[in-house]
Amino acid sequence: DSWRAETDLDWAAAAIIGSINSQICDEDHLKADGANYAAWSNFIDERMCDAVNKPMYVYMLLLFLAW
């Protein structure tokens, strides 16, 4: 059923976000002014590729969750 599928997706998203967040050092967090956006974005892309072997997954997931 769709409720179960959404719940499974939420759990998967939380696990991936938690995994990535635990690997980010304080100096690697995205700065408020976005000065380190390129380096931060590359870091996230690499971690997503490691996590799900699909680098665009996080963007598709965020778009789905925002919709």
Protein backbone atom coordinates (compact mmCIF):
# COMPACT_ATOMS: atom_id res chain seq x y z
CA ASP A 1 0.00 0.00 0.00
CA SER A 2 1.12 3.59 -0.59
CA TRP A 3 1.39 4.46 3.11
CA ARG A 4 3.88 1.61 3.62
CA ALA A 5 5.89 2.68 0.56
CA GLU A 6 6.08 6.26 1.83
CA THR A 7 7.14 5.05 5.27
CA ASP A 8 9.86 2.86 3.75
CA LEU A 9 11.10 5.82 1.70
CA ASP A 10 11.14 8.03 4.81
CA TRP A 11 13.19 5.44 6.71
CA ALA A 12 15.63 5.08 3.81
CA ALA A 13 16.00 8.85 3.52
CA ALA A 14 16.60 9.21 7.26
CA ALA A 15 19.23 6.46 7.21
CA ILE A 16 21.07 8.02 4.27
CA ILE A 17 20.94 11.52 5.73
CA GLY A 18 22.13 10.23 9.10
CA SER A 19 24.98 8.34 7.47
CA ILE A 20 26.12 11.38 5.52
CA ASN A 21 25.70 13.76 8.45
CA SER A 22 27.87 11.59 10.70
CA GLN A 23 30.72 11.88 8.17
CA ILE A 24 30.69 15.70 7.96
CA CYS A 25 33.22 17.50 10.17
CA ASP A 26 32.26 20.93 11.51
CA GLU A 27 34.55 22.69 9.03
CA ASP A 28 32.88 20.80 6.15
CA HIS A 29 29.33 21.98 6.89
CA LEU A 30 27.81 24.31 4.33
CA LYS A 31 28.62 27.88 5.35
CA ALA A 32 25.76 30.34 5.77
CA ASP A 33 27.09 32.53 2.96
CA GLY A 34 27.55 29.53 0.65
CA ALA A 35 31.27 30.25 0.23
CA ASN A 36 32.14 26.54 0.31
CA TYR A 37 29.16 25.33 -1.74
CA ALA A 38 31.21 23.68 -4.50
CA ALA A 39 33.33 21.64 -2.07
CA TRP A 40 30.28 20.80 0.06
CA SER A 41 28.27 19.71 -2.98
CA ASN A 42 31.10 17.46 -4.18
CA PHE A 43 31.32 15.92 -0.70
CA ILE A 44 27.58 15.20 -0.64
CA ASP A 45 27.64 13.76 -4.18
CA GLU A 46 30.51 11.43 -3.28
CA ARG A 47 28.78 10.23 -0.11
CA MET A 48 25.51 9.66 -1.95
CA CYS A 49 27.31 7.68 -4.63
CA ASP A 50 28.86 5.56 -1.88
CA ALA A 51 25.53 5.17 -0.09
CA VAL A 52 23.25 4.24 -2.96
CA ASN A 53 25.49 4.11 -6.04
CA LYS A 54 23.20 6.70 -7.66
CA PRO A 55 24.59 10.24 -7.29
CA MET A 56 21.34 11.95 -8.33
CA TYR A 57 19.26 9.96 -5.81
CA VAL A 58 19.43 12.64 -3.11
CA TYR A 59 18.11 15.32 -5.47
CA MET A 60 15.27 13.13 -6.68
CA LEU A 61 14.48 12.20 -3.08
CA LEU A 62 14.43 15.83 -1.94
CA LEU A 63 12.20 16.82 -4.85
CA PHE A 64 9.83 13.98 -4.01
CA LEU A 65 9.72 14.91 -0.32
CA ALA A 66 9.13 18.59 -1.15
CA TRP A 67 6.28 17.73 -3.49
